[in-house]
Amino acid sequence: MLILSRKKDETIVIGDNITISVVDIKGDQVKIGINAPNDVKVFRQEVYEAIQEENRAAANVSSIPENFSLPDLMKKKD
């Protein structure tokens, strides 16, 4: 892990197209601004972990009904 010190209004550059700026510092809270391309997803860690947990739950094979039949699903409905 790279650890950097920055002051208010200072920036960190990641690669060619991501910047992280220190916007404000009040007490033990630091506000940062992140400028990244639209195809780069940026999440707070707790949000990212919640999304991952939801994805794992949705992919849980045991949640598929016992009478699930792929051929029946693929039949054309009249």
PDB file of N, CA and C in Angstrom:
ATOM      1  N   MET A   1       0.859  -1.172   0.000  1.00  0.00           N
ATOM      2  CA  MET A   1       0.000   0.000   0.000  1.00  0.00           C
ATOM      3  C   MET A   1       0.904   1.233   0.000  1.00  0.00           C
ATOM      4  N   LEU A   2       0.601   2.149  -0.862  1.00  0.00           N
ATOM      5  CA  LEU A   2       1.299   3.428  -0.905  1.00  0.00           C
ATOM      6  C   LEU A   2       0.568   4.404  -0.003  1.00  0.00           C
ATOM      7  N   ILE A   3       1.296   5.048   0.891  1.00  0.00           N
ATOM      8  CA  ILE A   3       0.696   6.033   1.794  1.00  0.00           C
ATOM      9  C   ILE A   3       1.295   7.393   1.468  1.00  0.00           C
ATOM     10  N   LEU A   4       0.427   8.360   1.192  1.00  0.00           N
ATOM     11  CA  LEU A   4       0.855   9.704   0.823  1.00  0.00           C
ATOM     12  C   LEU A   4       0.237  10.727   1.766  1.00  0.00           C
ATOM     13  N   SER A   5       0.951  11.784   2.016  1.00  0.00           N
ATOM     14  CA  SER A   5       0.411  12.917   2.770  1.00  0.00           C
ATOM     15  C   SER A   5       0.032  14.004   1.784  1.00  0.00           C
ATOM     16  N   ARG A   6      -1.134  14.584   1.971  1.00  0.00           N
ATOM     17  CA  ARG A   6      -1.598  15.675   1.121  1.00  0.00           C
ATOM     18  C   ARG A   6      -2.260  16.713   2.008  1.00  0.00           C
ATOM     19  N   LYS A   7      -2.183  17.954   1.595  1.00  0.00           N
ATOM     20  CA  LYS A   7      -2.863  19.047   2.282  1.00  0.00           C
ATOM     21  C   LYS A   7      -4.079  19.450   1.458  1.00  0.00           C
ATOM     22  N   LYS A   8      -4.923  20.279   2.044  1.00  0.00           N
ATOM     23  CA  LYS A   8      -6.101  20.771   1.343  1.00  0.00           C
ATOM     24  C   LYS A   8      -5.688  21.357  -0.004  1.00  0.00           C
ATOM     25  N   ASP A   9      -6.478  21.057  -1.020  1.00  0.00           N
ATOM     26  CA  ASP A   9      -6.295  21.517  -2.408  1.00  0.00           C
ATOM     27  C   ASP A   9      -5.119  20.848  -3.114  1.00  0.00           C
ATOM     28  N   GLU A  10      -4.524  19.825  -2.516  1.00  0.00           N
ATOM     29  CA  GLU A  10      -3.478  19.071  -3.208  1.00  0.00           C
ATOM     30  C   GLU A  10      -4.103  17.817  -3.824  1.00  0.00           C
ATOM     31  N   THR A  11      -3.439  17.289  -4.858  1.00  0.00           N
ATOM     32  CA  THR A  11      -4.013  16.220  -5.674  1.00  0.00           C
ATOM     33  C   THR A  11      -3.040  15.064  -5.827  1.00  0.00           C
ATOM     34  N   ILE A  12      -3.611  13.894  -6.019  1.00  0.00           N
ATOM     35  CA  ILE A  12      -2.868  12.673  -6.348  1.00  0.00           C
ATOM     36  C   ILE A  12      -3.335  12.239  -7.727  1.00  0.00           C
ATOM     37  N   VAL A  13      -2.427  11.802  -8.572  1.00  0.00           N
ATOM     38  CA  VAL A  13      -2.764  11.332  -9.911  1.00  0.00           C
ATOM     39  C   VAL A  13      -2.535   9.830  -9.977  1.00  0.00           C
ATOM     40  N   ILE A  14      -3.531   9.095 -10.484  1.00  0.00           N
ATOM     41  CA  ILE A  14      -3.425   7.655 -10.673  1.00  0.00           C
ATOM     42  C   ILE A  14      -3.548   7.383 -12.162  1.00  0.00           C
ATOM     43  N   GLY A  15      -2.510   6.799 -12.729  1.00  0.00           N
ATOM     44  CA  GLY A  15      -2.509   6.543 -14.171  1.00  0.00           C
ATOM     45  C   GLY A  15      -2.588   7.858 -14.931  1.00  0.00           C
ATOM     46  N   ASP A  16      -3.204   7.799 -16.096  1.00  0.00           N
ATOM     47  CA  ASP A  16      -3.316   8.990 -16.944  1.00  0.00           C
ATOM     48  C   ASP A  16      -4.644   9.715 -16.792  1.00  0.00           C
ATOM     49  N   ASN A  17      -5.629   9.098 -16.087  1.00  0.00           N
ATOM     50  CA  ASN A  17      -6.959   9.691 -16.150  1.00  0.00           C
ATOM     51  C   ASN A  17      -7.740   9.681 -14.835  1.00  0.00           C
ATOM     52  N   ILE A  18      -7.077   9.483 -13.720  1.00  0.00           N
ATOM     53  CA  ILE A  18      -7.764   9.525 -12.431  1.00  0.00           C
ATOM     54  C   ILE A  18      -7.013  10.477 -11.501  1.00  0.00           C
ATOM     55  N   THR A  19      -7.759  11.421 -10.912  1.00  0.00           N
ATOM     56  CA  THR A  19      -7.160  12.321  -9.926  1.00  0.00           C
ATOM     57  C   THR A  19      -7.989  12.275  -8.649  1.00  0.00           C
ATOM     58  N   ILE A  20      -7.296  12.372  -7.530  1.00  0.00           N
ATOM     59  CA  ILE A  20      -7.940  12.422  -6.225  1.00  0.00           C
ATOM     60  C   ILE A  20      -7.453  13.684  -5.544  1.00  0.00           C
ATOM     61  N   SER A  21      -8.384  14.559  -5.182  1.00  0.00           N
ATOM     62  CA  SER A  21      -8.036  15.854  -4.587  1.00  0.00           C
ATOM     63  C   SER A  21      -8.579  15.943  -3.167  1.00  0.00           C
ATOM     64  N   VAL A  22      -7.801  16.529  -2.288  1.00  0.00           N
ATOM     65  CA  VAL A  22      -8.271  16.809  -0.935  1.00  0.00           C
ATOM     66  C   VAL A  22      -9.061  18.109  -1.020  1.00  0.00           C
ATOM     67  N   VAL A  23     -10.358  18.031  -0.768  1.00  0.00           N
ATOM     68  CA  VAL A  23     -11.252  19.174  -0.910  1.00  0.00           C
ATOM     69  C   VAL A  23     -11.355  19.965   0.390  1.00  0.00           C
ATOM     70  N   ASP A  24     -11.447  19.232   1.520  1.00  0.00           N
ATOM     71  CA  ASP A  24     -11.628  19.907   2.800  1.00  0.00           C
ATOM     72  C   ASP A  24     -11.155  18.994   3.924  1.00  0.00           C
ATOM     73  N   ILE A  25     -10.701  19.596   4.998  1.00  0.00           N
ATOM     74  CA  ILE A  25     -10.303  18.854   6.191  1.00  0.00           C
ATOM     75  C   ILE A  25     -10.915  19.567   7.390  1.00  0.00           C
ATOM     76  N   LYS A  26     -11.721  18.826   8.154  1.00  0.00           N
ATOM     77  CA  LYS A  26     -12.321  19.363   9.377  1.00  0.00           C
ATOM     78  C   LYS A  26     -12.180  18.318  10.459  1.00  0.00           C
ATOM     79  N   GLY A  27     -11.363  18.584  11.443  1.00  0.00           N
ATOM     80  CA  GLY A  27     -11.144  17.622  12.518  1.00  0.00           C
ATOM     81  C   GLY A  27     -10.561  16.345  11.960  1.00  0.00           C
ATOM     82  N   ASP A  28     -11.231  15.210  12.258  1.00  0.00           N
ATOM     83  CA  ASP A  28     -10.726  13.931  11.766  1.00  0.00           C
ATOM     84  C   ASP A  28     -11.413  13.485  10.473  1.00  0.00           C
ATOM     85  N   GLN A  29     -12.148  14.397   9.821  1.00  0.00           N
ATOM     86  CA  GLN A  29     -12.832  14.072   8.575  1.00  0.00           C
ATOM     87  C   GLN A  29     -12.155  14.764   7.409  1.00  0.00           C
ATOM     88  N   VAL A  30     -11.886  13.990   6.365  1.00  0.00           N
ATOM     89  CA  VAL A  30     -11.270  14.518   5.147  1.00  0.00           C
ATOM     90  C   VAL A  30     -12.251  14.309   4.007  1.00  0.00           C
ATOM     91  N   LYS A  31     -12.549  15.370   3.264  1.00  0.00           N
ATOM     92  CA  LYS A  31     -13.407  15.249   2.077  1.00  0.00           C
ATOM     93  C   LYS A  31     -12.493  15.209   0.864  1.00  0.00           C
ATOM     94  N   ILE A  32     -12.739  14.202   0.019  1.00  0.00           N
ATOM     95  CA  ILE A  32     -11.929  14.080  -1.185  1.00  0.00           C
ATOM     96  C   ILE A  32     -12.824  14.151  -2.411  1.00  0.00           C
ATOM     97  N   GLY A  33     -12.242  14.605  -3.493  1.00  0.00           N
ATOM     98  CA  GLY A  33     -12.926  14.618  -4.779  1.00  0.00           C
ATOM     99  C   GLY A  33     -12.201  13.667  -5.709  1.00  0.00           C
ATOM    100  N   ILE A  34     -12.953  12.869  -6.451  1.00  0.00           N
ATOM    101  CA  ILE A  34     -12.362  11.895  -7.361  1.00  0.00           C
ATOM    102  C   ILE A  34     -12.837  12.201  -8.769  1.00  0.00           C
ATOM    103  N   ASN A  35     -11.897  12.381  -9.665  1.00  0.00           N
ATOM    104  CA  ASN A  35     -12.206  12.620 -11.070  1.00  0.00           C
ATOM    105  C   ASN A  35     -11.705  11.410 -11.845  1.00  0.00           C
ATOM    106  N   ALA A  36     -12.655  10.642 -12.418  1.00  0.00           N
ATOM    107  CA  ALA A  36     -12.305   9.427 -13.141  1.00  0.00           C
ATOM    108  C   ALA A  36     -13.242   9.288 -14.336  1.00  0.00           C
ATOM    109  N   PRO A  37     -12.822   8.534 -15.354  1.00  0.00           N
ATOM    110  CA  PRO A  37     -13.699   8.299 -16.502  1.00  0.00           C
ATOM    111  C   PRO A  37     -14.990   7.605 -16.070  1.00  0.00           C
ATOM    112  N   ASN A  38     -16.035   7.762 -16.858  1.00  0.00           N
ATOM    113  CA  ASN A  38     -17.337   7.178 -16.538  1.00  0.00           C
ATOM    114  C   ASN A  38     -17.302   5.657 -16.436  1.00  0.00           C
ATOM    115  N   ASP A  39     -16.373   5.012 -17.142  1.00  0.00           N
ATOM    116  CA  ASP A  39     -16.332   3.549 -17.100  1.00  0.00           C
ATOM    117  C   ASP A  39     -15.602   3.012 -15.868  1.00  0.00           C
ATOM    118  N   VAL A  40     -15.052   3.896 -15.047  1.00  0.00           N
ATOM    119  CA  VAL A  40     -14.399   3.491 -13.803  1.00  0.00           C
ATOM    120  C   VAL A  40     -15.393   3.670 -12.665  1.00  0.00           C
ATOM    121  N   LYS A  41     -15.732   2.565 -12.016  1.00  0.00           N
ATOM    122  CA  LYS A  41     -16.693   2.629 -10.916  1.00  0.00           C
ATOM    123  C   LYS A  41     -15.948   3.001  -9.637  1.00  0.00           C
ATOM    124  N   VAL A  42     -16.506   3.952  -8.904  1.00  0.00           N
ATOM    125  CA  VAL A  42     -15.904   4.407  -7.650  1.00  0.00           C
ATOM    126  C   VAL A  42     -16.959   4.270  -6.552  1.00  0.00           C
ATOM    127  N   PHE A  43     -16.631   3.507  -5.502  1.00  0.00           N
ATOM    128  CA  PHE A  43     -17.552   3.283  -4.395  1.00  0.00           C
ATOM    129  C   PHE A  43     -16.824   3.476  -3.072  1.00  0.00           C
ATOM    130  N   ARG A  44     -17.576   3.857  -2.043  1.00  0.00           N
ATOM    131  CA  ARG A  44     -17.046   3.746  -0.680  1.00  0.00           C
ATOM    132  C   ARG A  44     -16.917   2.254  -0.393  1.00  0.00           C
ATOM    133  N   GLN A  45     -15.953   1.874   0.424  1.00  0.00           N
ATOM    134  CA  GLN A  45     -15.705   0.458   0.661  1.00  0.00           C
ATOM    135  C   GLN A  45     -16.930  -0.270   1.195  1.00  0.00           C
ATOM    136  N   GLU A  46     -17.656   0.342   2.138  1.00  0.00           N
ATOM    137  CA  GLU A  46     -18.814  -0.353   2.709  1.00  0.00           C
ATOM    138  C   GLU A  46     -19.916  -0.559   1.680  1.00  0.00           C
ATOM    139  N   VAL A  47     -20.055   0.355   0.734  1.00  0.00           N
ATOM    140  CA  VAL A  47     -21.042   0.195  -0.340  1.00  0.00           C
ATOM    141  C   VAL A  47     -20.596  -0.918  -1.288  1.00  0.00           C
ATOM    142  N   TYR A  48     -19.319  -0.916  -1.636  1.00  0.00           N
ATOM    143  CA  TYR A  48     -18.767  -1.950  -2.516  1.00  0.00           C
ATOM    144  C   TYR A  48     -18.972  -3.337  -1.906  1.00  0.00           C
ATOM    145  N   GLU A  49     -18.688  -3.479  -0.609  1.00  0.00           N
ATOM    146  CA  GLU A  49     -18.853  -4.769   0.059  1.00  0.00           C
ATOM    147  C   GLU A  49     -20.320  -5.203   0.083  1.00  0.00           C
ATOM    148  N   ALA A  50     -21.236  -4.259   0.277  1.00  0.00           N
ATOM    149  CA  ALA A  50     -22.663  -4.581   0.258  1.00  0.00           C
ATOM    150  C   ALA A  50     -23.086  -5.057  -1.130  1.00  0.00           C
ATOM    151  N   ILE A  51     -22.594  -4.420  -2.171  1.00  0.00           N
ATOM    152  CA  ILE A  51     -22.905  -4.828  -3.549  1.00  0.00           C
ATOM    153  C   ILE A  51     -22.382  -6.235  -3.799  1.00  0.00           C
ATOM    154  N   GLN A  52     -21.154  -6.501  -3.359  1.00  0.00           N
ATOM    155  CA  GLN A  52     -20.575  -7.830  -3.552  1.00  0.00           C
ATOM    156  C   GLN A  52     -21.386  -8.898  -2.829  1.00  0.00           C
ATOM    157  N   GLU A  53     -21.820  -8.595  -1.616  1.00  0.00           N
ATOM    158  CA  GLU A  53     -22.626  -9.550  -0.853  1.00  0.00           C
ATOM    159  C   GLU A  53     -23.963  -9.820  -1.548  1.00  0.00           C
ATOM    160  N   GLU A  54     -24.593  -8.770  -2.071  1.00  0.00           N
ATOM    161  CA  GLU A  54     -25.853  -8.945  -2.814  1.00  0.00           C
ATOM    162  C   GLU A  54     -25.632  -9.794  -4.059  1.00  0.00           C
ATOM    163  N   ASN A  55     -24.516  -9.576  -4.747  1.00  0.00           N
ATOM    164  CA  ASN A  55     -24.211 -10.375  -5.940  1.00  0.00           C
ATOM    165  C   ASN A  55     -24.005 -11.842  -5.576  1.00  0.00           C
ATOM    166  N   ARG A  56     -23.297 -12.092  -4.473  1.00  0.00           N
ATOM    167  CA  ARG A  56     -23.097 -13.476  -4.033  1.00  0.00           C
ATOM    168  C   ARG A  56     -24.436 -14.125  -3.667  1.00  0.00           C
ATOM    169  N   ALA A  57     -25.288 -13.377  -2.987  1.00  0.00           N
ATOM    170  CA  ALA A  57     -26.589 -13.922  -2.596  1.00  0.00           C
ATOM    171  C   ALA A  57     -27.438 -14.225  -3.832  1.00  0.00           C
ATOM    172  N   ALA A  58     -27.388 -13.352  -4.823  1.00  0.00           N
ATOM    173  CA  ALA A  58     -28.179 -13.552  -6.041  1.00  0.00           C
ATOM    174  C   ALA A  58     -27.668 -14.745  -6.845  1.00  0.00           C
ATOM    175  N   ALA A  59     -26.383 -15.026  -6.740  1.00  0.00           N
ATOM    176  CA  ALA A  59     -25.794 -16.126  -7.495  1.00  0.00           C
ATOM    177  C   ALA A  59     -25.854 -17.453  -6.739  1.00  0.00           C
ATOM    178  N   ASN A  60     -26.418 -17.440  -5.553  1.00  0.00           N
ATOM    179  CA  ASN A  60     -26.488 -18.639  -4.733  1.00  0.00           C
ATOM    180  C   ASN A  60     -27.333 -19.700  -5.433  1.00  0.00           C
ATOM    181  N   VAL A  61     -26.716 -20.814  -5.771  1.00  0.00           N
ATOM    182  CA  VAL A  61     -27.389 -21.874  -6.523  1.00  0.00           C
ATOM    183  C   VAL A  61     -28.553 -22.450  -5.741  1.00  0.00           C
ATOM    184  N   SER A  62     -28.463 -22.467  -4.425  1.00  0.00           N
ATOM    185  CA  SER A  62     -29.530 -23.063  -3.636  1.00  0.00           C
ATOM    186  C   SER A  62     -30.825 -22.258  -3.718  1.00  0.00           C
ATOM    187  N   SER A  63     -30.775 -21.056  -4.273  1.00  0.00           N
ATOM    188  CA  SER A  63     -31.993 -20.258  -4.381  1.00  0.00           C
ATOM    189  C   SER A  63     -32.807 -20.603  -5.631  1.00  0.00           C
ATOM    190  N   ILE A  64     -32.287 -21.510  -6.460  1.00  0.00           N
ATOM    191  CA  ILE A  64     -33.017 -21.927  -7.658  1.00  0.00           C
ATOM    192  C   ILE A  64     -34.035 -22.990  -7.249  1.00  0.00           C
ATOM    193  N   PRO A  65     -35.294 -22.845  -7.644  1.00  0.00           N
ATOM    194  CA  PRO A  65     -36.315 -23.814  -7.261  1.00  0.00           C
ATOM    195  C   PRO A  65     -35.951 -25.232  -7.705  1.00  0.00           C
ATOM    196  N   GLU A  66     -36.365 -26.225  -6.936  1.00  0.00           N
ATOM    197  CA  GLU A  66     -36.047 -27.619  -7.252  1.00  0.00           C
ATOM    198  C   GLU A  66     -36.660 -28.050  -8.576  1.00  0.00           C
ATOM    199  N   ASN A  67     -37.813 -27.510  -8.921  1.00  0.00           N
ATOM    200  CA  ASN A  67     -38.480 -27.911 -10.159  1.00  0.00           C
ATOM    201  C   ASN A  67     -38.033 -27.068 -11.358  1.00  0.00           C
ATOM    202  N   PHE A  68     -36.943 -26.355 -11.220  1.00  0.00           N
ATOM    203  CA  PHE A  68     -36.402 -25.530 -12.297  1.00  0.00           C
ATOM    204  C   PHE A  68     -36.004 -26.407 -13.467  1.00  0.00           C
ATOM    205  N   SER A  69     -36.436 -26.040 -14.663  1.00  0.00           N
ATOM    206  CA  SER A  69     -36.117 -26.811 -15.858  1.00  0.00           C
ATOM    207  C   SER A  69     -35.718 -25.848 -16.970  1.00  0.00           C
ATOM    208  N   LEU A  70     -34.465 -25.887 -17.362  1.00  0.00           N
ATOM    209  CA  LEU A  70     -33.984 -25.012 -18.423  1.00  0.00           C
ATOM    210  C   LEU A  70     -34.719 -25.266 -19.743  1.00  0.00           C
ATOM    211  N   PRO A  71     -34.933 -26.529 -20.150  1.00  0.00           N
ATOM    212  CA  PRO A  71     -35.673 -26.741 -21.410  1.00  0.00           C
ATOM    213  C   PRO A  71     -37.076 -26.133 -21.367  1.00  0.00           C
ATOM    214  N   ASP A  72     -37.748 -26.227 -20.205  1.00  0.00           N
ATOM    215  CA  ASP A  72     -39.074 -25.637 -20.097  1.00  0.00           C
ATOM    216  C   ASP A  72     -39.012 -24.112 -20.236  1.00  0.00           C
ATOM    217  N   LEU A  73     -37.975 -23.528 -19.698  1.00  0.00           N
ATOM    218  CA  LEU A  73     -37.809 -22.073 -19.799  1.00  0.00           C
ATOM    219  C   LEU A  73     -37.592 -21.638 -21.238  1.00  0.00           C
ATOM    220  N   MET A  74     -36.939 -22.481 -22.020  1.00  0.00           N
ATOM    221  CA  MET A  74     -36.575 -22.114 -23.382  1.00  0.00           C
ATOM    222  C   MET A  74     -37.694 -22.363 -24.391  1.00  0.00           C
ATOM    223  N   LYS A  75     -38.744 -23.092 -23.982  1.00  0.00           N
ATOM    224  CA  LYS A  75     -39.874 -23.347 -24.880  1.00  0.00           C
ATOM    225  C   LYS A  75     -40.578 -22.039 -25.221  1.00  0.00           C
ATOM    226  N   LYS A  76     -41.025 -21.943 -26.479  1.00  0.00           N
ATOM    227  CA  LYS A  76     -41.782 -20.751 -26.896  1.00  0.00           C
ATOM    228  C   LYS A  76     -43.141 -20.769 -26.242  1.00  0.00           C
ATOM    229  N   LYS A  77     -43.542 -19.615 -25.776  1.00  0.00           N
ATOM    230  CA  LYS A  77     -44.896 -19.489 -25.222  1.00  0.00           C
ATOM    231  C   LYS A  77     -45.830 -19.061 -26.342  1.00  0.00           C
ATOM    232  N   ASP A  78     -47.019 -19.665 -26.377  1.00  0.00           N
ATOM    233  CA  ASP A  78     -48.010 -19.316 -27.417  1.00  0.00           C
ATOM    234  C   ASP A  78     -48.723 -18.046 -27.090  1.00  0.00           C
TER     235      ASP A  78
END
